[in-house]
């Protein structure tokens, strides 16, 4: 079955619930969505990332390794987390992305993995 990366992107601070009650409600909705993913066999793995300003970028040039603080590119949006799901097709993966975006109010990028099993 094809696998898809659902990458969660965060942007301006208004994307994050402003009060504790809203944050708790959003957490409960996410827990229910993730349980639904698991119960249907779609969920394979997920992860939430720390803020982009604590990232370290590694580059190799001319055989030397260089590291810099902060995100790879200056942007208003950064990768905040991800899901790896199995779905029958792209439409099914887009369905999971739609439900996820509706709960968290952030954009979700959907990308299929290359099928290396062939």
PDB file of N, CA and C in Angstrom:
ATOM      1  N   UNK A   1       0.853  -1.176   0.000  1.00  0.00           N
ATOM      2  CA  UNK A   1       0.000   0.000   0.000  1.00  0.00           C
ATOM      3  C   UNK A   1       0.898   1.238   0.000  1.00  0.00           C
ATOM      4  N   UNK A   2       0.565   2.253  -0.778  1.00  0.00           N
ATOM      5  CA  UNK A   2       1.391   3.462  -0.830  1.00  0.00           C
ATOM      6  C   UNK A   2       1.468   4.171   0.525  1.00  0.00           C
ATOM      7  N   UNK A   3       2.624   4.770   0.768  1.00  0.00           N
ATOM      8  CA  UNK A   3       2.834   5.538   1.990  1.00  0.00           C
ATOM      9  C   UNK A   3       3.001   7.011   1.633  1.00  0.00           C
ATOM     10  N   UNK A   4       2.520   7.872   2.532  1.00  0.00           N
ATOM     11  CA  UNK A   4       2.529   9.311   2.304  1.00  0.00           C
ATOM     12  C   UNK A   4       3.053  10.039   3.530  1.00  0.00           C
ATOM     13  N   UNK A   5       3.773  11.118   3.285  1.00  0.00           N
ATOM     14  CA  UNK A   5       4.199  12.027   4.341  1.00  0.00           C
ATOM     15  C   UNK A   5       3.193  13.161   4.398  1.00  0.00           C
ATOM     16  N   UNK A   6       2.596  13.363   5.558  1.00  0.00           N
ATOM     17  CA  UNK A   6       1.741  14.525   5.792  1.00  0.00           C
ATOM     18  C   UNK A   6       2.543  15.466   6.671  1.00  0.00           C
ATOM     19  N   UNK A   7       3.114  16.497   6.079  1.00  0.00           N
ATOM     20  CA  UNK A   7       3.938  17.410   6.865  1.00  0.00           C
ATOM     21  C   UNK A   7       3.098  18.592   7.326  1.00  0.00           C
ATOM     22  N   UNK A   8       3.191  18.873   8.610  1.00  0.00           N
ATOM     23  CA  UNK A   8       2.428  19.935   9.256  1.00  0.00           C
ATOM     24  C   UNK A   8       3.302  21.179   9.284  1.00  0.00           C
ATOM     25  N   UNK A   9       2.767  22.274   8.778  1.00  0.00           N
ATOM     26  CA  UNK A   9       3.521  23.521   8.742  1.00  0.00           C
ATOM     27  C   UNK A   9       2.889  24.530   9.680  1.00  0.00           C
ATOM     28  N   UNK A  10       3.734  25.203  10.445  1.00  0.00           N
ATOM     29  CA  UNK A  10       3.262  26.225  11.364  1.00  0.00           C
ATOM     30  C   UNK A  10       3.717  27.579  10.858  1.00  0.00           C
ATOM     31  N   UNK A  11       2.935  28.575  11.164  1.00  0.00           N
ATOM     32  CA  UNK A  11       3.247  29.910  10.685  1.00  0.00           C
ATOM     33  C   UNK A  11       3.261  30.924  11.798  1.00  0.00           C
ATOM     34  N   UNK A  12       2.522  31.964  11.586  1.00  0.00           N
ATOM     35  CA  UNK A  12       2.457  33.062  12.544  1.00  0.00           C
ATOM     36  C   UNK A  12       1.894  32.581  13.878  1.00  0.00           C
ATOM     37  N   UNK A  13       2.190  33.304  14.962  1.00  0.00           N
ATOM     38  CA  UNK A  13       1.707  32.892  16.286  1.00  0.00           C
ATOM     39  C   UNK A  13       0.200  32.695  16.381  1.00  0.00           C
ATOM     40  N   UNK A  14      -0.605  33.370  15.538  1.00  0.00           N
ATOM     41  CA  UNK A  14      -2.053  33.201  15.630  1.00  0.00           C
ATOM     42  C   UNK A  14      -2.498  31.797  15.240  1.00  0.00           C
ATOM     43  N   UNK A  15      -1.606  30.991  14.641  1.00  0.00           N
ATOM     44  CA  UNK A  15      -1.943  29.610  14.301  1.00  0.00           C
ATOM     45  C   UNK A  15      -2.060  28.735  15.547  1.00  0.00           C
ATOM     46  N   UNK A  16      -1.513  29.178  16.655  1.00  0.00           N
ATOM     47  CA  UNK A  16      -1.476  28.393  17.894  1.00  0.00           C
ATOM     48  C   UNK A  16      -2.618  28.858  18.796  1.00  0.00           C
ATOM     49  N   UNK A  17      -3.346  27.927  19.420  1.00  0.00           N
ATOM     50  CA  UNK A  17      -4.429  28.342  20.325  1.00  0.00           C
ATOM     51  C   UNK A  17      -3.911  29.300  21.389  1.00  0.00           C
ATOM     52  N   UNK A  18      -4.682  30.368  21.627  1.00  0.00           N
ATOM     53  CA  UNK A  18      -4.202  31.421  22.516  1.00  0.00           C
ATOM     54  C   UNK A  18      -4.489  31.172  23.991  1.00  0.00           C
ATOM     55  N   UNK A  19      -5.424  30.305  24.312  1.00  0.00           N
ATOM     56  CA  UNK A  19      -5.698  30.056  25.723  1.00  0.00           C
ATOM     57  C   UNK A  19      -5.640  28.556  26.019  1.00  0.00           C
ATOM     58  N   UNK A  20      -5.551  28.253  27.303  1.00  0.00           N
ATOM     59  CA  UNK A  20      -5.373  26.871  27.746  1.00  0.00           C
ATOM     60  C   UNK A  20      -6.553  25.982  27.364  1.00  0.00           C
ATOM     61  N   UNK A  21      -7.758  26.505  27.450  1.00  0.00           N
ATOM     62  CA  UNK A  21      -8.949  25.719  27.117  1.00  0.00           C
ATOM     63  C   UNK A  21      -8.958  25.350  25.636  1.00  0.00           C
ATOM     64  N   UNK A  22      -8.634  26.303  24.767  1.00  0.00           N
ATOM     65  CA  UNK A  22      -8.594  26.031  23.323  1.00  0.00           C
ATOM     66  C   UNK A  22      -7.488  25.035  23.000  1.00  0.00           C
ATOM     67  N   UNK A  23      -6.342  25.170  23.663  1.00  0.00           N
ATOM     68  CA  UNK A  23      -5.232  24.245  23.441  1.00  0.00           C
ATOM     69  C   UNK A  23      -5.616  22.835  23.874  1.00  0.00           C
ATOM     70  N   UNK A  24      -6.292  22.701  25.008  1.00  0.00           N
ATOM     71  CA  UNK A  24      -6.723  21.400  25.512  1.00  0.00           C
ATOM     72  C   UNK A  24      -7.740  20.762  24.547  1.00  0.00           C
ATOM     73  N   UNK A  25      -8.676  21.580  24.041  1.00  0.00           N
ATOM     74  CA  UNK A  25      -9.673  21.090  23.088  1.00  0.00           C
ATOM     75  C   UNK A  25      -8.989  20.601  21.811  1.00  0.00           C
ATOM     76  N   UNK A  26      -8.026  21.378  21.325  1.00  0.00           N
ATOM     77  CA  UNK A  26      -7.306  20.974  20.120  1.00  0.00           C
ATOM     78  C   UNK A  26      -6.530  19.683  20.354  1.00  0.00           C
ATOM     79  N   UNK A  27      -5.907  19.544  21.501  1.00  0.00           N
ATOM     80  CA  UNK A  27      -5.170  18.325  21.833  1.00  0.00           C
ATOM     81  C   UNK A  27      -6.108  17.115  21.834  1.00  0.00           C
ATOM     82  N   UNK A  28      -7.289  17.264  22.410  1.00  0.00           N
ATOM     83  CA  UNK A  28      -8.253  16.159  22.455  1.00  0.00           C
ATOM     84  C   UNK A  28      -8.719  15.782  21.050  1.00  0.00           C
ATOM     85  N   UNK A  29      -8.930  16.784  20.199  1.00  0.00           N
ATOM     86  CA  UNK A  29      -9.329  16.510  18.828  1.00  0.00           C
ATOM     87  C   UNK A  29      -8.212  15.785  18.068  1.00  0.00           C
ATOM     88  N   UNK A  30      -6.969  16.192  18.303  1.00  0.00           N
ATOM     89  CA  UNK A  30      -5.838  15.521  17.652  1.00  0.00           C
ATOM     90  C   UNK A  30      -5.714  14.086  18.138  1.00  0.00           C
ATOM     91  N   UNK A  31      -5.903  13.866  19.429  1.00  0.00           N
ATOM     92  CA  UNK A  31      -5.828  12.502  19.971  1.00  0.00           C
ATOM     93  C   UNK A  31      -6.904  11.622  19.334  1.00  0.00           C
ATOM     94  N   UNK A  32      -8.102  12.160  19.149  1.00  0.00           N
ATOM     95  CA  UNK A  32      -9.185  11.392  18.530  1.00  0.00           C
ATOM     96  C   UNK A  32      -8.871  11.098  17.064  1.00  0.00           C
ATOM     97  N   UNK A  33      -8.330  12.074  16.349  1.00  0.00           N
ATOM     98  CA  UNK A  33      -7.959  11.871  14.953  1.00  0.00           C
ATOM     99  C   UNK A  33      -6.868  10.802  14.835  1.00  0.00           C
ATOM    100  N   UNK A  34      -5.852  10.890  15.693  1.00  0.00           N
ATOM    101  CA  UNK A  34      -4.770   9.901  15.653  1.00  0.00           C
ATOM    102  C   UNK A  34      -5.287   8.503  15.995  1.00  0.00           C
ATOM    103  N   UNK A  35      -6.214   8.406  16.922  1.00  0.00           N
ATOM    104  CA  UNK A  35      -6.801   7.099  17.253  1.00  0.00           C
ATOM    105  C   UNK A  35      -7.571   6.551  16.055  1.00  0.00           C
ATOM    106  N   UNK A  36      -8.262   7.426  15.332  1.00  0.00           N
ATOM    107  CA  UNK A  36      -8.979   7.010  14.132  1.00  0.00           C
ATOM    108  C   UNK A  36      -7.990   6.519  13.073  1.00  0.00           C
ATOM    109  N   UNK A  37      -6.875   7.241  12.898  1.00  0.00           N
ATOM    110  CA  UNK A  37      -5.841   6.802  11.947  1.00  0.00           C
ATOM    111  C   UNK A  37      -5.338   5.409  12.317  1.00  0.00           C
ATOM    112  N   UNK A  38      -5.081   5.210  13.605  1.00  0.00           N
ATOM    113  CA  UNK A  38      -4.565   3.923  14.067  1.00  0.00           C
ATOM    114  C   UNK A  38      -5.592   2.808  13.885  1.00  0.00           C
ATOM    115  N   UNK A  39      -6.850   3.089  14.213  1.00  0.00           N
ATOM    116  CA  UNK A  39      -7.873   2.038  14.147  1.00  0.00           C
ATOM    117  C   UNK A  39      -8.159   1.597  12.711  1.00  0.00           C
ATOM    118  N   UNK A  40      -7.904   2.464  11.737  1.00  0.00           N
ATOM    119  CA  UNK A  40      -8.115   2.093  10.329  1.00  0.00           C
ATOM    120  C   UNK A  40      -6.859   1.527   9.681  1.00  0.00           C
ATOM    121  N   UNK A  41      -5.752   1.534  10.419  1.00  0.00           N
ATOM    122  CA  UNK A  41      -4.501   1.015   9.875  1.00  0.00           C
ATOM    123  C   UNK A  41      -3.722   2.005   9.033  1.00  0.00           C
ATOM    124  N   UNK A  42      -4.157   3.258   9.001  1.00  0.00           N
ATOM    125  CA  UNK A  42      -3.466   4.262   8.193  1.00  0.00           C
ATOM    126  C   UNK A  42      -2.203   4.780   8.877  1.00  0.00           C
ATOM    127  N   UNK A  43      -2.247   4.927  10.195  1.00  0.00           N
ATOM    128  CA  UNK A  43      -1.154   5.547  10.942  1.00  0.00           C
ATOM    129  C   UNK A  43       0.040   4.618  11.027  1.00  0.00           C
ATOM    130  N   UNK A  44       1.219   5.107  10.617  1.00  0.00           N
ATOM    131  CA  UNK A  44       2.454   4.343  10.781  1.00  0.00           C
ATOM    132  C   UNK A  44       3.369   4.983  11.815  1.00  0.00           C
ATOM    133  N   UNK A  45       3.460   6.311  11.773  1.00  0.00           N
ATOM    134  CA  UNK A  45       4.392   7.016  12.655  1.00  0.00           C
ATOM    135  C   UNK A  45       4.070   8.498  12.600  1.00  0.00           C
ATOM    136  N   UNK A  46       4.335   9.202  13.699  1.00  0.00           N
ATOM    137  CA  UNK A  46       4.203  10.656  13.690  1.00  0.00           C
ATOM    138  C   UNK A  46       5.226  11.252  14.627  1.00  0.00           C
ATOM    139  N   UNK A  47       5.457  12.532  14.473  1.00  0.00           N
ATOM    140  CA  UNK A  47       6.393  13.226  15.343  1.00  0.00           C
ATOM    141  C   UNK A  47       6.119  14.716  15.336  1.00  0.00           C
ATOM    142  N   UNK A  48       6.351  15.318  16.477  1.00  0.00           N
ATOM    143  CA  UNK A  48       6.230  16.772  16.595  1.00  0.00           C
ATOM    144  C   UNK A  48       7.622  17.329  16.828  1.00  0.00           C
ATOM    145  N   UNK A  49       7.905  18.455  16.191  1.00  0.00           N
ATOM    146  CA  UNK A  49       9.240  19.036  16.246  1.00  0.00           C
ATOM    147  C   UNK A  49       9.275  20.259  17.160  1.00  0.00           C
ATOM    148  N   UNK A  50      10.453  20.557  17.685  1.00  0.00           N
ATOM    149  CA  UNK A  50      10.637  21.780  18.450  1.00  0.00           C
ATOM    150  C   UNK A  50      10.617  22.969  17.486  1.00  0.00           C
ATOM    151  N   UNK A  51      10.624  24.180  18.019  1.00  0.00           N
ATOM    152  CA  UNK A  51      10.605  25.377  17.188  1.00  0.00           C
ATOM    153  C   UNK A  51      11.820  25.425  16.270  1.00  0.00           C
ATOM    154  N   UNK A  52      11.643  26.027  15.109  1.00  0.00           N
ATOM    155  CA  UNK A  52      12.699  26.086  14.091  1.00  0.00           C
ATOM    156  C   UNK A  52      13.921  26.863  14.554  1.00  0.00           C
ATOM    157  N   UNK A  53      13.760  27.780  15.499  1.00  0.00           N
ATOM    158  CA  UNK A  53      14.906  28.589  15.923  1.00  0.00           C
ATOM    159  C   UNK A  53      15.938  27.800  16.725  1.00  0.00           C
ATOM    160  N   UNK A  54      15.637  26.552  17.090  1.00  0.00           N
ATOM    161  CA  UNK A  54      16.632  25.722  17.776  1.00  0.00           C
ATOM    162  C   UNK A  54      17.276  24.711  16.818  1.00  0.00           C
ATOM    163  N   UNK A  55      16.945  24.817  15.533  1.00  0.00           N
ATOM    164  CA  UNK A  55      17.513  23.908  14.531  1.00  0.00           C
ATOM    165  C   UNK A  55      18.986  24.204  14.302  1.00  0.00           C
ATOM    166  N   UNK A  56      19.706  23.189  13.851  1.00  0.00           N
ATOM    167  CA  UNK A  56      21.087  23.339  13.405  1.00  0.00           C
ATOM    168  C   UNK A  56      21.154  22.802  11.984  1.00  0.00           C
ATOM    169  N   UNK A  57      21.730  23.585  11.086  1.00  0.00           N
ATOM    170  CA  UNK A  57      21.849  23.195   9.687  1.00  0.00           C
ATOM    171  C   UNK A  57      23.278  22.716   9.441  1.00  0.00           C
ATOM    172  N   UNK A  58      23.430  21.562   8.807  1.00  0.00           N
ATOM    173  CA  UNK A  58      24.739  20.985   8.504  1.00  0.00           C
ATOM    174  C   UNK A  58      24.942  21.006   6.990  1.00  0.00           C
ATOM    175  N   UNK A  59      26.088  21.529   6.580  1.00  0.00           N
ATOM    176  CA  UNK A  59      26.446  21.543   5.159  1.00  0.00           C
ATOM    177  C   UNK A  59      27.865  21.010   5.022  1.00  0.00           C
ATOM    178  N   UNK A  60      28.112  20.256   3.961  1.00  0.00           N
ATOM    179  CA  UNK A  60      29.457  19.800   3.645  1.00  0.00           C
ATOM    180  C   UNK A  60      29.853  20.454   2.328  1.00  0.00           C
ATOM    181  N   UNK A  61      30.991  21.109   2.339  1.00  0.00           N
ATOM    182  CA  UNK A  61      31.496  21.774   1.138  1.00  0.00           C
ATOM    183  C   UNK A  61      33.000  21.589   1.091  1.00  0.00           C
ATOM    184  N   UNK A  62      33.501  21.070  -0.022  1.00  0.00           N
ATOM    185  CA  UNK A  62      34.941  20.854  -0.156  1.00  0.00           C
ATOM    186  C   UNK A  62      35.509  19.935   0.900  1.00  0.00           C
ATOM    187  N   UNK A  63      34.704  18.980   1.348  1.00  0.00           N
ATOM    188  CA  UNK A  63      35.165  18.035   2.352  1.00  0.00           C
ATOM    189  C   UNK A  63      35.106  18.563   3.778  1.00  0.00           C
ATOM    190  N   UNK A  64      34.687  19.804   3.977  1.00  0.00           N
ATOM    191  CA  UNK A  64      34.574  20.378   5.314  1.00  0.00           C
ATOM    192  C   UNK A  64      33.113  20.445   5.726  1.00  0.00           C
ATOM    193  N   UNK A  65      32.877  20.248   7.019  1.00  0.00           N
ATOM    194  CA  UNK A  65      31.525  20.330   7.559  1.00  0.00           C
ATOM    195  C   UNK A  65      31.324  21.696   8.201  1.00  0.00           C
ATOM    196  N   UNK A  66      30.212  22.335   7.847  1.00  0.00           N
ATOM    197  CA  UNK A  66      29.854  23.633   8.404  1.00  0.00           C
ATOM    198  C   UNK A  66      28.491  23.516   9.068  1.00  0.00           C
ATOM    199  N   UNK A  67      28.348  24.111  10.238  1.00  0.00           N
ATOM    200  CA  UNK A  67      27.058  24.134  10.918  1.00  0.00           C
ATOM    201  C   UNK A  67      26.667  25.584  11.181  1.00  0.00           C
ATOM    202  N   UNK A  68      25.363  25.844  11.078  1.00  0.00           N
ATOM    203  CA  UNK A  68      24.825  27.161  11.399  1.00  0.00           C
ATOM    204  C   UNK A  68      23.576  26.981  12.243  1.00  0.00           C
ATOM    205  N   UNK A  69      23.306  27.969  13.071  1.00  0.00           N
ATOM    206  CA  UNK A  69      22.113  27.936  13.913  1.00  0.00           C
ATOM    207  C   UNK A  69      20.899  28.378  13.117  1.00  0.00           C
ATOM    208  N   UNK A  70      19.755  27.871  13.531  1.00  0.00           N
ATOM    209  CA  UNK A  70      18.502  28.315  12.949  1.00  0.00           C
ATOM    210  C   UNK A  70      18.051  27.483  11.782  1.00  0.00           C
ATOM    211  N   UNK A  71      16.895  27.832  11.249  1.00  0.00           N
ATOM    212  CA  UNK A  71      16.333  27.040  10.149  1.00  0.00           C
ATOM    213  C   UNK A  71      17.152  27.171   8.873  1.00  0.00           C
ATOM    214  N   UNK A  72      16.966  26.211   7.977  1.00  0.00           N
ATOM    215  CA  UNK A  72      17.656  26.190   6.689  1.00  0.00           C
ATOM    216  C   UNK A  72      17.351  27.442   5.886  1.00  0.00           C
ATOM    217  N   UNK A  73      16.100  27.877   5.881  1.00  0.00           N
ATOM    218  CA  UNK A  73      15.693  29.056   5.111  1.00  0.00           C
ATOM    219  C   UNK A  73      14.820  29.955   5.980  1.00  0.00           C
ATOM    220  N   UNK A  74      14.980  31.263   5.811  1.00  0.00           N
ATOM    221  CA  UNK A  74      14.104  32.201   6.497  1.00  0.00           C
ATOM    222  C   UNK A  74      12.721  32.095   5.871  1.00  0.00           C
ATOM    223  N   UNK A  75      11.719  31.890   6.702  1.00  0.00           N
ATOM    224  CA  UNK A  75      10.374  31.706   6.187  1.00  0.00           C
ATOM    225  C   UNK A  75       9.376  31.995   7.295  1.00  0.00           C
ATOM    226  N   UNK A  76       8.168  32.364   6.906  1.00  0.00           N
ATOM    227  CA  UNK A  76       7.108  32.545   7.895  1.00  0.00           C
ATOM    228  C   UNK A  76       6.532  31.205   8.326  1.00  0.00           C
ATOM    229  N   UNK A  77       6.732  30.174   7.517  1.00  0.00           N
ATOM    230  CA  UNK A  77       6.251  28.839   7.853  1.00  0.00           C
ATOM    231  C   UNK A  77       7.426  27.889   8.024  1.00  0.00           C
ATOM    232  N   UNK A  78       7.291  26.972   8.969  1.00  0.00           N
ATOM    233  CA  UNK A  78       8.316  25.961   9.226  1.00  0.00           C
ATOM    234  C   UNK A  78       7.644  24.622   9.458  1.00  0.00           C
ATOM    235  N   UNK A  79       8.395  23.573   9.223  1.00  0.00           N
ATOM    236  CA  UNK A  79       7.916  22.233   9.508  1.00  0.00           C
ATOM    237  C   UNK A  79       7.745  22.090  11.017  1.00  0.00           C
ATOM    238  N   UNK A  80       6.547  21.712  11.436  1.00  0.00           N
ATOM    239  CA  UNK A  80       6.247  21.595  12.861  1.00  0.00           C
ATOM    240  C   UNK A  80       6.122  20.145  13.306  1.00  0.00           C
ATOM    241  N   UNK A  81       5.812  19.269  12.358  1.00  0.00           N
ATOM    242  CA  UNK A  81       5.634  17.869  12.686  1.00  0.00           C
ATOM    243  C   UNK A  81       5.200  17.118  11.443  1.00  0.00           C
ATOM    244  N   UNK A  82       4.909  15.837  11.618  1.00  0.00           N
ATOM    245  CA  UNK A  82       4.577  15.035  10.447  1.00  0.00           C
ATOM    246  C   UNK A  82       3.841  13.772  10.856  1.00  0.00           C
ATOM    247  N   UNK A  83       3.166  13.193   9.879  1.00  0.00           N
ATOM    248  CA  UNK A  83       2.580  11.865   9.983  1.00  0.00           C
ATOM    249  C   UNK A  83       3.062  11.069   8.783  1.00  0.00           C
ATOM    250  N   UNK A  84       3.297   9.803   8.982  1.00  0.00           N
ATOM    251  CA  UNK A  84       3.527   8.888   7.879  1.00  0.00           C
ATOM    252  C   UNK A  84       2.350   7.929   7.904  1.00  0.00           C
ATOM    253  N   UNK A  85       1.599   7.931   6.794  1.00  0.00           N
ATOM    254  CA  UNK A  85       0.382   7.126   6.728  1.00  0.00           C
ATOM    255  C   UNK A  85       0.419   6.223   5.507  1.00  0.00           C
ATOM    256  N   UNK A  86      -0.333   5.143   5.593  1.00  0.00           N
ATOM    257  CA  UNK A  86      -0.596   4.293   4.434  1.00  0.00           C
ATOM    258  C   UNK A  86      -2.010   4.592   3.981  1.00  0.00           C
ATOM    259  N   UNK A  87      -2.174   4.705   2.677  1.00  0.00           N
ATOM    260  CA  UNK A  87      -3.500   4.994   2.122  1.00  0.00           C
ATOM    261  C   UNK A  87      -3.618   4.305   0.773  1.00  0.00           C
ATOM    262  N   UNK A  88      -4.829   3.962   0.401  1.00  0.00           N
ATOM    263  CA  UNK A  88      -5.058   3.286  -0.879  1.00  0.00           C
ATOM    264  C   UNK A  88      -4.572   4.115  -2.055  1.00  0.00           C
ATOM    265  N   UNK A  89      -4.724   5.437  -1.950  1.00  0.00           N
ATOM    266  CA  UNK A  89      -4.342   6.318  -3.048  1.00  0.00           C
ATOM    267  C   UNK A  89      -4.191   7.743  -2.529  1.00  0.00           C
ATOM    268  N   UNK A  90      -3.832   8.655  -3.428  1.00  0.00           N
ATOM    269  CA  UNK A  90      -3.627  10.047  -3.041  1.00  0.00           C
ATOM    270  C   UNK A  90      -4.899  10.657  -2.464  1.00  0.00           C
ATOM    271  N   UNK A  91      -6.046  10.341  -3.026  1.00  0.00           N
ATOM    272  CA  UNK A  91      -7.298  10.896  -2.510  1.00  0.00           C
ATOM    273  C   UNK A  91      -7.518  10.521  -1.045  1.00  0.00           C
ATOM    274  N   UNK A  92      -7.209   9.290  -0.684  1.00  0.00           N
ATOM    275  CA  UNK A  92      -7.360   8.863   0.712  1.00  0.00           C
ATOM    276  C   UNK A  92      -6.370   9.610   1.608  1.00  0.00           C
ATOM    277  N   UNK A  93      -5.132   9.796   1.140  1.00  0.00           N
ATOM    278  CA  UNK A  93      -4.134  10.551   1.909  1.00  0.00           C
ATOM    279  C   UNK A  93      -4.579  12.007   2.070  1.00  0.00           C
ATOM    280  N   UNK A  94      -5.159  12.580   1.020  1.00  0.00           N
ATOM    281  CA  UNK A  94      -5.658  13.958   1.095  1.00  0.00           C
ATOM    282  C   UNK A  94      -6.808  14.061   2.097  1.00  0.00           C
ATOM    283  N   UNK A  95      -7.575  12.997   2.221  1.00  0.00           N
ATOM    284  CA  UNK A  95      -8.641  12.971   3.223  1.00  0.00           C
ATOM    285  C   UNK A  95      -8.087  13.087   4.633  1.00  0.00           C
ATOM    286  N   UNK A  96      -7.016  12.340   4.926  1.00  0.00           N
ATOM    287  CA  UNK A  96      -6.378  12.443   6.242  1.00  0.00           C
ATOM    288  C   UNK A  96      -5.792  13.831   6.444  1.00  0.00           C
ATOM    289  N   UNK A  97      -5.181  14.389   5.401  1.00  0.00           N
ATOM    290  CA  UNK A  97      -4.602  15.732   5.503  1.00  0.00           C
ATOM    291  C   UNK A  97      -5.689  16.775   5.760  1.00  0.00           C
ATOM    292  N   UNK A  98      -6.822  16.619   5.108  1.00  0.00           N
ATOM    293  CA  UNK A  98      -7.935  17.556   5.306  1.00  0.00           C
ATOM    294  C   UNK A  98      -8.422  17.517   6.743  1.00  0.00           C
ATOM    295  N   UNK A  99      -8.593  16.330   7.266  1.00  0.00           N
ATOM    296  CA  UNK A  99      -9.049  16.203   8.656  1.00  0.00           C
ATOM    297  C   UNK A  99      -8.027  16.776   9.629  1.00  0.00           C
ATOM    298  N   UNK A 100      -6.747  16.529   9.365  1.00  0.00           N
ATOM    299  CA  UNK A 100      -5.690  17.049  10.235  1.00  0.00           C
ATOM    300  C   UNK A 100      -5.655  18.567  10.193  1.00  0.00           C
ATOM    301  N   UNK A 101      -5.701  19.134   9.004  1.00  0.00           N
ATOM    302  CA  UNK A 101      -5.684  20.591   8.865  1.00  0.00           C
ATOM    303  C   UNK A 101      -6.892  21.234   9.543  1.00  0.00           C
ATOM    304  N   UNK A 102      -8.055  20.596   9.445  1.00  0.00           N
ATOM    305  CA  UNK A 102      -9.258  21.132  10.079  1.00  0.00           C
ATOM    306  C   UNK A 102      -9.117  21.195  11.596  1.00  0.00           C
ATOM    307  N   UNK A 103      -8.431  20.206  12.176  1.00  0.00           N
ATOM    308  CA  UNK A 103      -8.264  20.167  13.630  1.00  0.00           C
ATOM    309  C   UNK A 103      -7.245  21.194  14.093  1.00  0.00           C
ATOM    310  N   UNK A 104      -6.115  21.278  13.414  1.00  0.00           N
ATOM    311  CA  UNK A 104      -5.045  22.137  13.921  1.00  0.00           C
ATOM    312  C   UNK A 104      -4.991  23.509  13.269  1.00  0.00           C
ATOM    313  N   UNK A 105      -5.715  23.703  12.180  1.00  0.00           N
ATOM    314  CA  UNK A 105      -5.754  25.018  11.542  1.00  0.00           C
ATOM    315  C   UNK A 105      -4.453  25.412  10.880  1.00  0.00           C
ATOM    316  N   UNK A 106      -3.672  24.435  10.462  1.00  0.00           N
ATOM    317  CA  UNK A 106      -2.402  24.698   9.794  1.00  0.00           C
ATOM    318  C   UNK A 106      -2.360  23.940   8.477  1.00  0.00           C
ATOM    319  N   UNK A 107      -1.572  24.433   7.520  1.00  0.00           N
ATOM    320  CA  UNK A 107      -1.481  23.726   6.238  1.00  0.00           C
ATOM    321  C   UNK A 107      -0.751  22.398   6.373  1.00  0.00           C
ATOM    322  N   UNK A 108      -1.166  21.439   5.558  1.00  0.00           N
ATOM    323  CA  UNK A 108      -0.564  20.106   5.526  1.00  0.00           C
ATOM    324  C   UNK A 108      -0.095  19.841   4.098  1.00  0.00           C
ATOM    325  N   UNK A 109       1.161  19.523   3.936  1.00  0.00           N
ATOM    326  CA  UNK A 109       1.685  19.136   2.624  1.00  0.00           C
ATOM    327  C   UNK A 109       1.673  17.614   2.531  1.00  0.00           C
ATOM    328  N   UNK A 110       1.165  17.084   1.441  1.00  0.00           N
ATOM    329  CA  UNK A 110       1.068  15.637   1.243  1.00  0.00           C
ATOM    330  C   UNK A 110       2.037  15.243   0.135  1.00  0.00           C
ATOM    331  N   UNK A 111       2.924  14.301   0.449  1.00  0.00           N
ATOM    332  CA  UNK A 111       3.889  13.821  -0.549  1.00  0.00           C
ATOM    333  C   UNK A 111       4.008  12.311  -0.453  1.00  0.00           C
ATOM    334  N   UNK A 112       3.907  11.638  -1.594  1.00  0.00           N
ATOM    335  CA  UNK A 112       4.085  10.183  -1.578  1.00  0.00           C
ATOM    336  C   UNK A 112       5.562   9.821  -1.457  1.00  0.00           C
ATOM    337  N   UNK A 113       5.810   8.673  -0.843  1.00  0.00           N
ATOM    338  CA  UNK A 113       7.162   8.126  -0.811  1.00  0.00           C
ATOM    339  C   UNK A 113       7.392   7.374  -2.110  1.00  0.00           C
ATOM    340  N   UNK A 114       8.640   7.352  -2.575  1.00  0.00           N
ATOM    341  CA  UNK A 114       8.980   6.481  -3.697  1.00  0.00           C
ATOM    342  C   UNK A 114       8.747   5.047  -3.279  1.00  0.00           C
ATOM    343  N   UNK A 115       8.192   4.247  -4.160  1.00  0.00           N
ATOM    344  CA  UNK A 115       7.975   2.842  -3.870  1.00  0.00           C
ATOM    345  C   UNK A 115       9.241   2.086  -4.262  1.00  0.00           C
ATOM    346  N   UNK A 116      10.018   1.703  -3.276  1.00  0.00           N
ATOM    347  CA  UNK A 116      11.275   1.003  -3.532  1.00  0.00           C
ATOM    348  C   UNK A 116      11.117  -0.509  -3.449  1.00  0.00           C
ATOM    349  N   UNK A 117       9.895  -0.979  -3.219  1.00  0.00           N
ATOM    350  CA  UNK A 117       9.650  -2.417  -3.082  1.00  0.00           C
ATOM    351  C   UNK A 117       9.457  -3.097  -4.421  1.00  0.00           C
ATOM    352  N   UNK A 118       9.399  -2.354  -5.504  1.00  0.00           N
ATOM    353  CA  UNK A 118       9.150  -2.953  -6.824  1.00  0.00           C
ATOM    354  C   UNK A 118      10.407  -3.538  -7.416  1.00  0.00           C
TER     355      UNK A 118
END
